[in-house]
PDB file of N, CA and C in Angstrom:
ATOM      1  N   UNK A   1       2.023   7.593   9.497  1.00  0.00           N
ATOM      2  CA  UNK A   1       1.493   7.043  10.752  1.00  0.00           C
ATOM      3  C   UNK A   1       1.732   5.574  10.814  1.00  0.00           C
ATOM      4  N   UNK A   2       2.637   5.117  11.637  1.00  0.00           N
ATOM      5  CA  UNK A   2       2.885   3.690  11.784  1.00  0.00           C
ATOM      6  C   UNK A   2       1.875   3.041  12.658  1.00  0.00           C
ATOM      7  N   UNK A   3       1.095   2.215  12.171  1.00  0.00           N
ATOM      8  CA  UNK A   3       0.145   1.379  12.913  1.00  0.00           C
ATOM      9  C   UNK A   3      -0.848   2.174  13.766  1.00  0.00           C
ATOM     10  N   UNK A   4      -0.932   3.449  13.636  1.00  0.00           N
ATOM     11  CA  UNK A   4      -1.895   4.214  14.355  1.00  0.00           C
ATOM     12  C   UNK A   4      -3.091   4.445  13.455  1.00  0.00           C
ATOM     13  N   UNK A   5      -4.277   4.568  14.012  1.00  0.00           N
ATOM     14  CA  UNK A   5      -5.473   4.829  13.232  1.00  0.00           C
ATOM     15  C   UNK A   5      -5.439   6.213  12.548  1.00  0.00           C
ATOM     16  N   UNK A   6      -5.516   6.197  11.268  1.00  0.00           N
ATOM     17  CA  UNK A   6      -5.520   7.452  10.543  1.00  0.00           C
ATOM     18  C   UNK A   6      -6.804   8.210  10.802  1.00  0.00           C
ATOM     19  N   UNK A   7      -6.637   9.507  11.066  1.00  0.00           N
ATOM     20  CA  UNK A   7      -7.810  10.386  11.318  1.00  0.00           C
ATOM     21  C   UNK A   7      -8.282  11.028  10.041  1.00  0.00           C
ATOM     22  N   UNK A   8      -7.322  11.265   9.096  1.00  0.00           N
ATOM     23  CA  UNK A   8      -7.666  11.896   7.832  1.00  0.00           C
ATOM     24  C   UNK A   8      -7.047  11.121   6.730  1.00  0.00           C
ATOM     25  N   UNK A   9      -7.576  11.259   5.540  1.00  0.00           N
ATOM     26  CA  UNK A   9      -6.940  10.493   4.375  1.00  0.00           C
ATOM     27  C   UNK A   9      -5.512  10.948   4.220  1.00  0.00           C
ATOM     28  N   UNK A  10      -5.127  12.177   4.519  1.00  0.00           N
ATOM     29  CA  UNK A  10      -3.781  12.622   4.406  1.00  0.00           C
ATOM     30  C   UNK A  10      -2.804  11.880   5.285  1.00  0.00           C
ATOM     31  N   UNK A  11      -3.269  11.202   6.323  1.00  0.00           N
ATOM     32  CA  UNK A  11      -2.455  10.413   7.217  1.00  0.00           C
ATOM     33  C   UNK A  11      -2.028   9.097   6.602  1.00  0.00           C
ATOM     34  N   UNK A  12      -2.748   8.623   5.568  1.00  0.00           N
ATOM     35  CA  UNK A  12      -2.457   7.305   4.993  1.00  0.00           C
ATOM     36  C   UNK A  12      -1.186   7.464   4.124  1.00  0.00           C
ATOM     37  N   UNK A  13      -0.290   6.499   4.376  1.00  0.00           N
ATOM     38  CA  UNK A  13       0.956   6.509   3.601  1.00  0.00           C
ATOM     39  C   UNK A  13       0.680   6.191   2.158  1.00  0.00           C
ATOM     40  N   UNK A  14      -0.310   5.387   1.847  1.00  0.00           N
ATOM     41  CA  UNK A  14      -0.618   5.095   0.461  1.00  0.00           C
ATOM     42  C   UNK A  14      -1.121   6.362  -0.250  1.00  0.00           C
ATOM     43  N   UNK A  15      -1.889   7.219   0.467  1.00  0.00           N
ATOM     44  CA  UNK A  15      -2.306   8.458  -0.154  1.00  0.00           C
ATOM     45  C   UNK A  15      -1.114   9.409  -0.320  1.00  0.00           C
ATOM     46  N   UNK A  16      -0.269   9.468   0.685  1.00  0.00           N
ATOM     47  CA  UNK A  16       0.926  10.338   0.550  1.00  0.00           C
ATOM     48  C   UNK A  16       1.792   9.958  -0.639  1.00  0.00           C
ATOM     49  N   UNK A  17       2.005   8.745  -0.807  1.00  0.00           N
ATOM     50  CA  UNK A  17       2.877   8.264  -1.919  1.00  0.00           C
ATOM     51  C   UNK A  17       2.117   8.496  -3.250  1.00  0.00           C
ATOM     52  N   UNK A  18       0.817   8.288  -3.317  1.00  0.00           N
ATOM     53  CA  UNK A  18       0.096   8.488  -4.571  1.00  0.00           C
ATOM     54  C   UNK A  18       0.087   9.941  -4.868  1.00  0.00           C
ATOM     55  N   UNK A  19      -0.091  10.777  -3.906  1.00  0.00           N
ATOM     56  CA  UNK A  19      -0.032  12.241  -4.082  1.00  0.00           C
ATOM     57  C   UNK A  19       1.327  12.684  -4.684  1.00  0.00           C
ATOM     58  N   UNK A  20       2.324  12.094  -4.121  1.00  0.00           N
ATOM     59  CA  UNK A  20       3.708  12.465  -4.601  1.00  0.00           C
ATOM     60  C   UNK A  20       3.857  12.029  -6.070  1.00  0.00           C
ATOM     61  N   UNK A  21       3.282  10.838  -6.424  1.00  0.00           N
ATOM     62  CA  UNK A  21       3.307  10.316  -7.775  1.00  0.00           C
ATOM     63  C   UNK A  21       2.501  11.237  -8.713  1.00  0.00           C
ATOM     64  N   UNK A  22       1.414  11.770  -8.193  1.00  0.00           N
ATOM     65  CA  UNK A  22       0.584  12.748  -9.022  1.00  0.00           C
ATOM     66  C   UNK A  22       1.425  13.993  -9.297  1.00  0.00           C
ATOM     67  N   UNK A  23       2.085  14.480  -8.274  1.00  0.00           N
ATOM     68  CA  UNK A  23       2.945  15.691  -8.428  1.00  0.00           C
ATOM     69  C   UNK A  23       4.038  15.402  -9.488  1.00  0.00           C
ATOM     70  N   UNK A  24       4.623  14.179  -9.436  1.00  0.00           N
ATOM     71  CA  UNK A  24       5.672  13.782 -10.388  1.00  0.00           C
ATOM     72  C   UNK A  24       5.083  13.745 -11.869  1.00  0.00           C
ATOM     73  N   UNK A  25       3.833  13.233 -11.993  1.00  0.00           N
ATOM     74  CA  UNK A  25       3.216  13.121 -13.279  1.00  0.00           C
ATOM     75  C   UNK A  25       2.977  14.537 -13.844  1.00  0.00           C
ATOM     76  N   UNK A  26       2.536  15.442 -13.044  1.00  0.00           N
ATOM     77  CA  UNK A  26       2.378  16.839 -13.446  1.00  0.00           C
ATOM     78  C   UNK A  26       3.705  17.482 -13.881  1.00  0.00           C
ATOM     79  N   UNK A  27       4.711  17.247 -13.107  1.00  0.00           N
ATOM     80  CA  UNK A  27       6.054  17.812 -13.411  1.00  0.00           C
ATOM     81  C   UNK A  27       6.568  17.254 -14.710  1.00  0.00           C
ATOM     82  N   UNK A  28       6.480  15.960 -14.895  1.00  0.00           N
ATOM     83  CA  UNK A  28       7.003  15.297 -16.106  1.00  0.00           C
ATOM     84  C   UNK A  28       6.233  15.797 -17.334  1.00  0.00           C
ATOM     85  N   UNK A  29       4.887  15.903 -17.239  1.00  0.00           N
ATOM     86  CA  UNK A  29       4.092  16.247 -18.434  1.00  0.00           C
ATOM     87  C   UNK A  29       4.243  17.738 -18.775  1.00  0.00           C
ATOM     88  N   UNK A  30       4.769  18.526 -17.918  1.00  0.00           N
ATOM     89  CA  UNK A  30       5.007  19.980 -18.276  1.00  0.00           C
ATOM     90  C   UNK A  30       5.955  20.082 -19.475  1.00  0.00           C
ATOM     91  N   UNK A  31       6.856  19.065 -19.659  1.00  0.00           N
ATOM     92  CA  UNK A  31       7.773  19.117 -20.735  1.00  0.00           C
ATOM     93  C   UNK A  31       7.343  18.418 -21.996  1.00  0.00           C
ATOM     94  N   UNK A  32       6.101  17.875 -21.968  1.00  0.00           N
ATOM     95  CA  UNK A  32       5.632  17.198 -23.117  1.00  0.00           C
ATOM     96  C   UNK A  32       5.295  18.161 -24.227  1.00  0.00           C
ATOM     97  N   UNK A  33       5.341  17.807 -25.459  1.00  0.00           N
ATOM     98  CA  UNK A  33       4.954  18.710 -26.557  1.00  0.00           C
ATOM     99  C   UNK A  33       3.549  19.294 -26.414  1.00  0.00           C
ATOM    100  N   UNK A  34       3.368  20.527 -26.858  1.00  0.00           N
ATOM    101  CA  UNK A  34       2.120  21.203 -26.734  1.00  0.00           C
ATOM    102  C   UNK A  34       1.023  20.435 -27.393  1.00  0.00           C
ATOM    103  N   UNK A  35       1.289  19.725 -28.491  1.00  0.00           N
ATOM    104  CA  UNK A  35       0.213  18.994 -29.158  1.00  0.00           C
ATOM    105  C   UNK A  35      -0.356  17.875 -28.313  1.00  0.00           C
ATOM    106  N   UNK A  36       0.369  17.501 -27.242  1.00  0.00           N
ATOM    107  CA  UNK A  36      -0.077  16.415 -26.335  1.00  0.00           C
ATOM    108  C   UNK A  36      -1.023  16.969 -25.213  1.00  0.00           C
ATOM    109  N   UNK A  37      -1.198  18.311 -25.161  1.00  0.00           N
ATOM    110  CA  UNK A  37      -1.917  18.882 -24.025  1.00  0.00           C
ATOM    111  C   UNK A  37      -3.304  18.248 -23.825  1.00  0.00           C
ATOM    112  N   UNK A  38      -4.067  17.994 -24.913  1.00  0.00           N
ATOM    113  CA  UNK A  38      -5.354  17.370 -24.785  1.00  0.00           C
ATOM    114  C   UNK A  38      -5.319  15.922 -25.083  1.00  0.00           C
ATOM    115  N   UNK A  39      -4.151  15.308 -25.203  1.00  0.00           N
ATOM    116  CA  UNK A  39      -3.946  13.911 -25.420  1.00  0.00           C
ATOM    117  C   UNK A  39      -3.285  13.297 -24.239  1.00  0.00           C
ATOM    118  N   UNK A  40      -2.079  12.841 -24.406  1.00  0.00           N
ATOM    119  CA  UNK A  40      -1.319  12.128 -23.413  1.00  0.00           C
ATOM    120  C   UNK A  40      -1.138  12.914 -22.120  1.00  0.00           C
ATOM    121  N   UNK A  41      -0.837  14.216 -22.217  1.00  0.00           N
ATOM    122  CA  UNK A  41      -0.725  15.024 -20.978  1.00  0.00           C
ATOM    123  C   UNK A  41      -1.962  14.935 -20.097  1.00  0.00           C
ATOM    124  N   UNK A  42      -3.108  15.192 -20.743  1.00  0.00           N
ATOM    125  CA  UNK A  42      -4.374  15.210 -20.052  1.00  0.00           C
ATOM    126  C   UNK A  42      -4.678  13.853 -19.485  1.00  0.00           C
ATOM    127  N   UNK A  43      -4.512  12.833 -20.284  1.00  0.00           N
ATOM    128  CA  UNK A  43      -4.802  11.442 -19.827  1.00  0.00           C
ATOM    129  C   UNK A  43      -3.934  10.979 -18.680  1.00  0.00           C
ATOM    130  N   UNK A  44      -2.637  11.358 -18.760  1.00  0.00           N
ATOM    131  CA  UNK A  44      -1.717  10.924 -17.732  1.00  0.00           C
ATOM    132  C   UNK A  44      -2.033  11.617 -16.374  1.00  0.00           C
ATOM    133  N   UNK A  45      -2.300  12.925 -16.471  1.00  0.00           N
ATOM    134  CA  UNK A  45      -2.729  13.693 -15.279  1.00  0.00           C
ATOM    135  C   UNK A  45      -3.993  13.218 -14.664  1.00  0.00           C
ATOM    136  N   UNK A  46      -4.952  12.923 -15.518  1.00  0.00           N
ATOM    137  CA  UNK A  46      -6.232  12.468 -15.028  1.00  0.00           C
ATOM    138  C   UNK A  46      -6.097  11.136 -14.325  1.00  0.00           C
ATOM    139  N   UNK A  47      -5.327  10.200 -14.874  1.00  0.00           N
ATOM    140  CA  UNK A  47      -5.111   8.919 -14.236  1.00  0.00           C
ATOM    141  C   UNK A  47      -4.376   9.099 -12.860  1.00  0.00           C
ATOM    142  N   UNK A  48      -3.376   9.906 -12.828  1.00  0.00           N
ATOM    143  CA  UNK A  48      -2.635  10.162 -11.592  1.00  0.00           C
ATOM    144  C   UNK A  48      -3.560  10.766 -10.503  1.00  0.00           C
ATOM    145  N   UNK A  49      -4.367  11.736 -10.886  1.00  0.00           N
ATOM    146  CA  UNK A  49      -5.295  12.336  -9.926  1.00  0.00           C
ATOM    147  C   UNK A  49      -6.236  11.362  -9.413  1.00  0.00           C
ATOM    148  N   UNK A  50      -6.732  10.436 -10.326  1.00  0.00           N
ATOM    149  CA  UNK A  50      -7.731   9.455  -9.946  1.00  0.00           C
ATOM    150  C   UNK A  50      -7.267   8.544  -8.851  1.00  0.00           C
ATOM    151  N   UNK A  51      -5.961   8.161  -8.935  1.00  0.00           N
ATOM    152  CA  UNK A  51      -5.383   7.233  -7.906  1.00  0.00           C
ATOM    153  C   UNK A  51      -5.562   7.863  -6.499  1.00  0.00           C
ATOM    154  N   UNK A  52      -5.044   9.057  -6.336  1.00  0.00           N
ATOM    155  CA  UNK A  52      -5.073   9.692  -4.977  1.00  0.00           C
ATOM    156  C   UNK A  52      -6.510  10.093  -4.556  1.00  0.00           C
ATOM    157  N   UNK A  53      -7.291  10.586  -5.521  1.00  0.00           N
ATOM    158  CA  UNK A  53      -8.652  11.028  -5.266  1.00  0.00           C
ATOM    159  C   UNK A  53      -9.541   9.822  -4.779  1.00  0.00           C
ATOM    160  N   UNK A  54      -9.396   8.687  -5.386  1.00  0.00           N
ATOM    161  CA  UNK A  54     -10.211   7.557  -4.966  1.00  0.00           C
ATOM    162  C   UNK A  54      -9.803   6.941  -3.649  1.00  0.00           C
ATOM    163  N   UNK A  55      -8.509   7.119  -3.325  1.00  0.00           N
ATOM    164  CA  UNK A  55      -8.064   6.671  -1.963  1.00  0.00           C
ATOM    165  C   UNK A  55      -8.691   7.632  -0.940  1.00  0.00           C
ATOM    166  N   UNK A  56      -8.707   8.915  -1.251  1.00  0.00           N
ATOM    167  CA  UNK A  56      -9.316   9.903  -0.351  1.00  0.00           C
ATOM    168  C   UNK A  56     -10.808   9.628  -0.169  1.00  0.00           C
ATOM    169  N   UNK A  57     -11.477   9.417  -1.279  1.00  0.00           N
ATOM    170  CA  UNK A  57     -12.926   9.133  -1.135  1.00  0.00           C
ATOM    171  C   UNK A  57     -13.167   7.839  -0.446  1.00  0.00           C
ATOM    172  N   UNK A  58     -12.405   6.795  -0.727  1.00  0.00           N
ATOM    173  CA  UNK A  58     -12.559   5.525  -0.030  1.00  0.00           C
ATOM    174  C   UNK A  58     -12.356   5.591   1.413  1.00  0.00           C
ATOM    175  N   UNK A  59     -11.447   6.470   1.881  1.00  0.00           N
ATOM    176  CA  UNK A  59     -11.194   6.613   3.282  1.00  0.00           C
ATOM    177  C   UNK A  59     -12.392   7.005   4.024  1.00  0.00           C
ATOM    178  N   UNK A  60     -13.273   7.811   3.411  1.00  0.00           N
ATOM    179  CA  UNK A  60     -14.455   8.386   4.080  1.00  0.00           C
ATOM    180  C   UNK A  60     -15.611   7.361   4.117  1.00  0.00           C
ATOM    181  N   UNK A  61     -15.511   6.298   3.370  1.00  0.00           N
ATOM    182  CA  UNK A  61     -16.622   5.338   3.297  1.00  0.00           C
ATOM    183  C   UNK A  61     -16.606   4.418   4.538  1.00  0.00           C
ATOM    184  N   UNK A  62     -17.801   4.192   5.051  1.00  0.00           N
ATOM    185  CA  UNK A  62     -17.914   3.340   6.261  1.00  0.00           C
ATOM    186  C   UNK A  62     -17.934   1.860   5.961  1.00  0.00           C
ATOM    187  N   UNK A  63     -18.578   1.491   4.881  1.00  0.00           N
ATOM    188  CA  UNK A  63     -18.688   0.092   4.539  1.00  0.00           C
ATOM    189  C   UNK A  63     -17.487  -0.466   3.804  1.00  0.00           C
ATOM    190  N   UNK A  64     -17.182  -1.680   4.179  1.00  0.00           N
ATOM    191  CA  UNK A  64     -16.007  -2.305   3.500  1.00  0.00           C
ATOM    192  C   UNK A  64     -16.164  -2.457   1.970  1.00  0.00           C
ATOM    193  N   UNK A  65     -17.353  -2.838   1.501  1.00  0.00           N
ATOM    194  CA  UNK A  65     -17.531  -2.996   0.006  1.00  0.00           C
ATOM    195  C   UNK A  65     -17.273  -1.638  -0.722  1.00  0.00           C
ATOM    196  N   UNK A  66     -17.738  -0.535  -0.142  1.00  0.00           N
ATOM    197  CA  UNK A  66     -17.446   0.783  -0.775  1.00  0.00           C
ATOM    198  C   UNK A  66     -16.007   1.128  -0.775  1.00  0.00           C
ATOM    199  N   UNK A  67     -15.332   0.866   0.359  1.00  0.00           N
ATOM    200  CA  UNK A  67     -13.919   1.159   0.423  1.00  0.00           C
ATOM    201  C   UNK A  67     -13.161   0.269  -0.629  1.00  0.00           C
ATOM    202  N   UNK A  68     -13.462  -0.975  -0.672  1.00  0.00           N
ATOM    203  CA  UNK A  68     -12.791  -1.902  -1.583  1.00  0.00           C
ATOM    204  C   UNK A  68     -13.026  -1.466  -3.027  1.00  0.00           C
ATOM    205  N   UNK A  69     -14.266  -1.072  -3.370  1.00  0.00           N
ATOM    206  CA  UNK A  69     -14.582  -0.642  -4.705  1.00  0.00           C
ATOM    207  C   UNK A  69     -13.678   0.525  -5.187  1.00  0.00           C
ATOM    208  N   UNK A  70     -13.579   1.522  -4.272  1.00  0.00           N
ATOM    209  CA  UNK A  70     -12.800   2.681  -4.526  1.00  0.00           C
ATOM    210  C   UNK A  70     -11.259   2.420  -4.606  1.00  0.00           C
ATOM    211  N   UNK A  71     -10.762   1.543  -3.771  1.00  0.00           N
ATOM    212  CA  UNK A  71      -9.417   1.124  -3.848  1.00  0.00           C
ATOM    213  C   UNK A  71      -9.125   0.364  -5.139  1.00  0.00           C
ATOM    214  N   UNK A  72     -10.136  -0.426  -5.595  1.00  0.00           N
ATOM    215  CA  UNK A  72     -10.013  -1.127  -6.853  1.00  0.00           C
ATOM    216  C   UNK A  72      -9.911  -0.153  -8.012  1.00  0.00           C
ATOM    217  N   UNK A  73     -10.714   0.887  -7.990  1.00  0.00           N
ATOM    218  CA  UNK A  73     -10.660   1.945  -8.997  1.00  0.00           C
ATOM    219  C   UNK A  73      -9.290   2.599  -9.014  1.00  0.00           C
ATOM    220  N   UNK A  74      -8.729   2.821  -7.783  1.00  0.00           N
ATOM    221  CA  UNK A  74      -7.382   3.437  -7.633  1.00  0.00           C
ATOM    222  C   UNK A  74      -6.335   2.544  -8.303  1.00  0.00           C
ATOM    223  N   UNK A  75      -6.488   1.185  -8.071  1.00  0.00           N
ATOM    224  CA  UNK A  75      -5.566   0.286  -8.652  1.00  0.00           C
ATOM    225  C   UNK A  75      -5.606   0.319 -10.201  1.00  0.00           C
ATOM    226  N   UNK A  76      -6.834   0.405 -10.694  1.00  0.00           N
ATOM    227  CA  UNK A  76      -6.991   0.441 -12.145  1.00  0.00           C
ATOM    228  C   UNK A  76      -6.417   1.649 -12.734  1.00  0.00           C
ATOM    229  N   UNK A  77      -6.608   2.804 -12.083  1.00  0.00           N
ATOM    230  CA  UNK A  77      -6.056   4.115 -12.492  1.00  0.00           C
ATOM    231  C   UNK A  77      -4.524   4.083 -12.430  1.00  0.00           C
ATOM    232  N   UNK A  78      -3.999   3.381 -11.403  1.00  0.00           N
ATOM    233  CA  UNK A  78      -2.548   3.307 -11.281  1.00  0.00           C
ATOM    234  C   UNK A  78      -1.919   2.529 -12.456  1.00  0.00           C
ATOM    235  N   UNK A  79      -2.575   1.411 -12.863  1.00  0.00           N
ATOM    236  CA  UNK A  79      -2.064   0.628 -13.947  1.00  0.00           C
ATOM    237  C   UNK A  79      -2.243   1.409 -15.235  1.00  0.00           C
ATOM    238  N   UNK A  80      -3.259   2.185 -15.391  1.00  0.00           N
ATOM    239  CA  UNK A  80      -3.459   3.071 -16.534  1.00  0.00           C
ATOM    240  C   UNK A  80      -2.269   4.069 -16.565  1.00  0.00           C
ATOM    241  N   UNK A  81      -1.957   4.663 -15.434  1.00  0.00           N
ATOM    242  CA  UNK A  81      -0.839   5.591 -15.320  1.00  0.00           C
ATOM    243  C   UNK A  81       0.478   4.909 -15.694  1.00  0.00           C
ATOM    244  N   UNK A  82       0.654   3.710 -15.232  1.00  0.00           N
ATOM    245  CA  UNK A  82       1.909   2.951 -15.541  1.00  0.00           C
ATOM    246  C   UNK A  82       2.035   2.825 -17.070  1.00  0.00           C
ATOM    247  N   UNK A  83       0.904   2.473 -17.725  1.00  0.00           N
ATOM    248  CA  UNK A  83       0.958   2.401 -19.243  1.00  0.00           C
ATOM    249  C   UNK A  83       1.382   3.737 -19.864  1.00  0.00           C
ATOM    250  N   UNK A  84       0.836   4.840 -19.345  1.00  0.00           N
ATOM    251  CA  UNK A  84       1.187   6.131 -19.881  1.00  0.00           C
ATOM    252  C   UNK A  84       2.611   6.455 -19.654  1.00  0.00           C
ATOM    253  N   UNK A  85       3.230   6.030 -18.584  1.00  0.00           N
ATOM    254  CA  UNK A  85       4.658   6.243 -18.382  1.00  0.00           C
ATOM    255  C   UNK A  85       5.473   5.379 -19.422  1.00  0.00           C
ATOM    256  N   UNK A  86       5.008   4.162 -19.606  1.00  0.00           N
ATOM    257  CA  UNK A  86       5.637   3.309 -20.593  1.00  0.00           C
ATOM    258  C   UNK A  86       5.562   3.926 -21.983  1.00  0.00           C
ATOM    259  N   UNK A  87       4.425   4.360 -22.367  1.00  0.00           N
ATOM    260  CA  UNK A  87       4.256   4.993 -23.688  1.00  0.00           C
ATOM    261  C   UNK A  87       5.110   6.251 -23.795  1.00  0.00           C
ATOM    262  N   UNK A  88       5.054   7.055 -22.694  1.00  0.00           N
ATOM    263  CA  UNK A  88       5.938   8.273 -22.738  1.00  0.00           C
ATOM    264  C   UNK A  88       7.409   7.944 -22.881  1.00  0.00           C
ATOM    265  N   UNK A  89       7.794   6.902 -22.246  1.00  0.00           N
ATOM    266  CA  UNK A  89       9.235   6.466 -22.406  1.00  0.00           C
ATOM    267  C   UNK A  89       9.512   6.021 -23.824  1.00  0.00           C
ATOM    268  N   UNK A  90       8.616   5.169 -24.348  1.00  0.00           N
ATOM    269  CA  UNK A  90       8.859   4.552 -25.614  1.00  0.00           C
ATOM    270  C   UNK A  90       8.770   5.567 -26.795  1.00  0.00           C
ATOM    271  N   UNK A  91       8.074   6.675 -26.663  1.00  0.00           N
ATOM    272  CA  UNK A  91       8.016   7.714 -27.694  1.00  0.00           C
ATOM    273  C   UNK A  91       9.057   8.846 -27.442  1.00  0.00           C
ATOM    274  N   UNK A  92       9.810   8.657 -26.364  1.00  0.00           N
ATOM    275  CA  UNK A  92      10.933   9.573 -26.102  1.00  0.00           C
ATOM    276  C   UNK A  92      10.608  10.823 -25.299  1.00  0.00           C
ATOM    277  N   UNK A  93       9.497  10.816 -24.637  1.00  0.00           N
ATOM    278  CA  UNK A  93       9.126  11.946 -23.762  1.00  0.00           C
ATOM    279  C   UNK A  93       9.710  11.929 -22.393  1.00  0.00           C
ATOM    280  N   UNK A  94      10.023  10.685 -21.886  1.00  0.00           N
ATOM    281  CA  UNK A  94      10.516  10.526 -20.512  1.00  0.00           C
ATOM    282  C   UNK A  94      11.707   9.584 -20.563  1.00  0.00           C
ATOM    283  N   UNK A  95      12.736   9.972 -19.781  1.00  0.00           N
ATOM    284  CA  UNK A  95      13.880   9.073 -19.662  1.00  0.00           C
ATOM    285  C   UNK A  95      14.164   8.788 -18.193  1.00  0.00           C
ATOM    286  N   UNK A  96      13.393   9.347 -17.311  1.00  0.00           N
ATOM    287  CA  UNK A  96      13.542   9.122 -15.873  1.00  0.00           C
ATOM    288  C   UNK A  96      13.136   7.718 -15.496  1.00  0.00           C
ATOM    289  N   UNK A  97      13.868   7.150 -14.545  1.00  0.00           N
ATOM    290  CA  UNK A  97      13.574   5.808 -14.010  1.00  0.00           C
ATOM    291  C   UNK A  97      12.901   5.841 -12.627  1.00  0.00           C
ATOM    292  N   UNK A  98      12.827   7.005 -12.055  1.00  0.00           N
ATOM    293  CA  UNK A  98      12.358   7.184 -10.656  1.00  0.00           C
ATOM    294  C   UNK A  98      10.911   6.737 -10.493  1.00  0.00           C
ATOM    295  N   UNK A  99      10.090   6.991 -11.511  1.00  0.00           N
ATOM    296  CA  UNK A  99       8.647   6.727 -11.409  1.00  0.00           C
ATOM    297  C   UNK A  99       8.392   5.261 -11.277  1.00  0.00           C
ATOM    298  N   UNK A 100       9.224   4.374 -11.782  1.00  0.00           N
ATOM    299  CA  UNK A 100       8.924   2.919 -11.728  1.00  0.00           C
ATOM    300  C   UNK A 100       8.898   2.459 -10.287  1.00  0.00           C
ATOM    301  N   UNK A 101       9.829   2.920  -9.463  1.00  0.00           N
ATOM    302  CA  UNK A 101       9.841   2.501  -8.050  1.00  0.00           C
ATOM    303  C   UNK A 101       8.571   3.062  -7.363  1.00  0.00           C
ATOM    304  N   UNK A 102       8.253   4.322  -7.681  1.00  0.00           N
ATOM    305  CA  UNK A 102       7.056   4.924  -7.045  1.00  0.00           C
ATOM    306  C   UNK A 102       5.777   4.230  -7.444  1.00  0.00           C
ATOM    307  N   UNK A 103       5.699   3.889  -8.693  1.00  0.00           N
ATOM    308  CA  UNK A 103       4.472   3.098  -9.195  1.00  0.00           C
ATOM    309  C   UNK A 103       4.355   1.754  -8.461  1.00  0.00           C
ATOM    310  N   UNK A 104       5.506   1.069  -8.331  1.00  0.00           N
ATOM    311  CA  UNK A 104       5.518  -0.221  -7.624  1.00  0.00           C
ATOM    312  C   UNK A 104       5.180  -0.104  -6.190  1.00  0.00           C
ATOM    313  N   UNK A 105       5.668   0.934  -5.564  1.00  0.00           N
ATOM    314  CA  UNK A 105       5.426   1.181  -4.182  1.00  0.00           C
ATOM    315  C   UNK A 105       3.949   1.473  -3.875  1.00  0.00           C
ATOM    316  N   UNK A 106       3.368   2.353  -4.707  1.00  0.00           N
ATOM    317  CA  UNK A 106       1.919   2.625  -4.512  1.00  0.00           C
ATOM    318  C   UNK A 106       1.117   1.378  -4.769  1.00  0.00           C
ATOM    319  N   UNK A 107       1.450   0.562  -5.767  1.00  0.00           N
ATOM    320  CA  UNK A 107       0.714  -0.655  -6.057  1.00  0.00           C
ATOM    321  C   UNK A 107       0.762  -1.576  -4.867  1.00  0.00           C
ATOM    322  N   UNK A 108       1.944  -1.747  -4.253  1.00  0.00           N
ATOM    323  CA  UNK A 108       2.095  -2.595  -3.077  1.00  0.00           C
ATOM    324  C   UNK A 108       1.272  -2.098  -1.908  1.00  0.00           C
ATOM    325  N   UNK A 109       1.354  -0.794  -1.670  1.00  0.00           N
ATOM    326  CA  UNK A 109       0.555  -0.182  -0.537  1.00  0.00           C
ATOM    327  C   UNK A 109      -0.939  -0.313  -0.775  1.00  0.00           C
ATOM    328  N   UNK A 110      -1.364  -0.141  -2.031  1.00  0.00           N
ATOM    329  CA  UNK A 110      -2.791  -0.259  -2.317  1.00  0.00           C
ATOM    330  C   UNK A 110      -3.240  -1.713  -2.113  1.00  0.00           C
ATOM    331  N   UNK A 111      -2.455  -2.594  -2.522  1.00  0.00           N
ATOM    332  CA  UNK A 111      -2.749  -4.054  -2.324  1.00  0.00           C
ATOM    333  C   UNK A 111      -2.889  -4.431  -0.877  1.00  0.00           C
ATOM    334  N   UNK A 112      -2.010  -3.811  -0.050  1.00  0.00           N
ATOM    335  CA  UNK A 112      -2.091  -4.087   1.387  1.00  0.00           C
ATOM    336  C   UNK A 112      -3.292  -3.399   2.043  1.00  0.00           C
ATOM    337  N   UNK A 113      -3.676  -2.267   1.519  1.00  0.00           N
ATOM    338  CA  UNK A 113      -4.762  -1.510   2.127  1.00  0.00           C
ATOM    339  C   UNK A 113      -6.110  -2.154   1.852  1.00  0.00           C
ATOM    340  N   UNK A 114      -6.230  -2.817   0.754  1.00  0.00           N
ATOM    341  CA  UNK A 114      -7.547  -3.432   0.362  1.00  0.00           C
ATOM    342  C   UNK A 114      -7.881  -4.608   1.193  1.00  0.00           C
TER     343      UNK A 114
END
């Protein structure tokens, strides 16, 4: 939605991009070793879900401080997810470069939304 008032959180481009990033994290972690299921796989998925979920929750808040707090939590979760992608790359689980652009784009959109 370009410059129109969003009626649902799904209308927000920042949510759409963060949801796509969450789906990417799930797809990538499917190939992680089974011993990571309760470790890195779980942490990475949790951080990714937190980004989009807090945007959705923040959308419903009426007060600016509540919205800002939830967007701030989303930003923190996004940086946590960024670290997990770095770790995954450095230990040889991930070689894709696509997620870096997506992470940066969501960070930029979150910064503009706050």
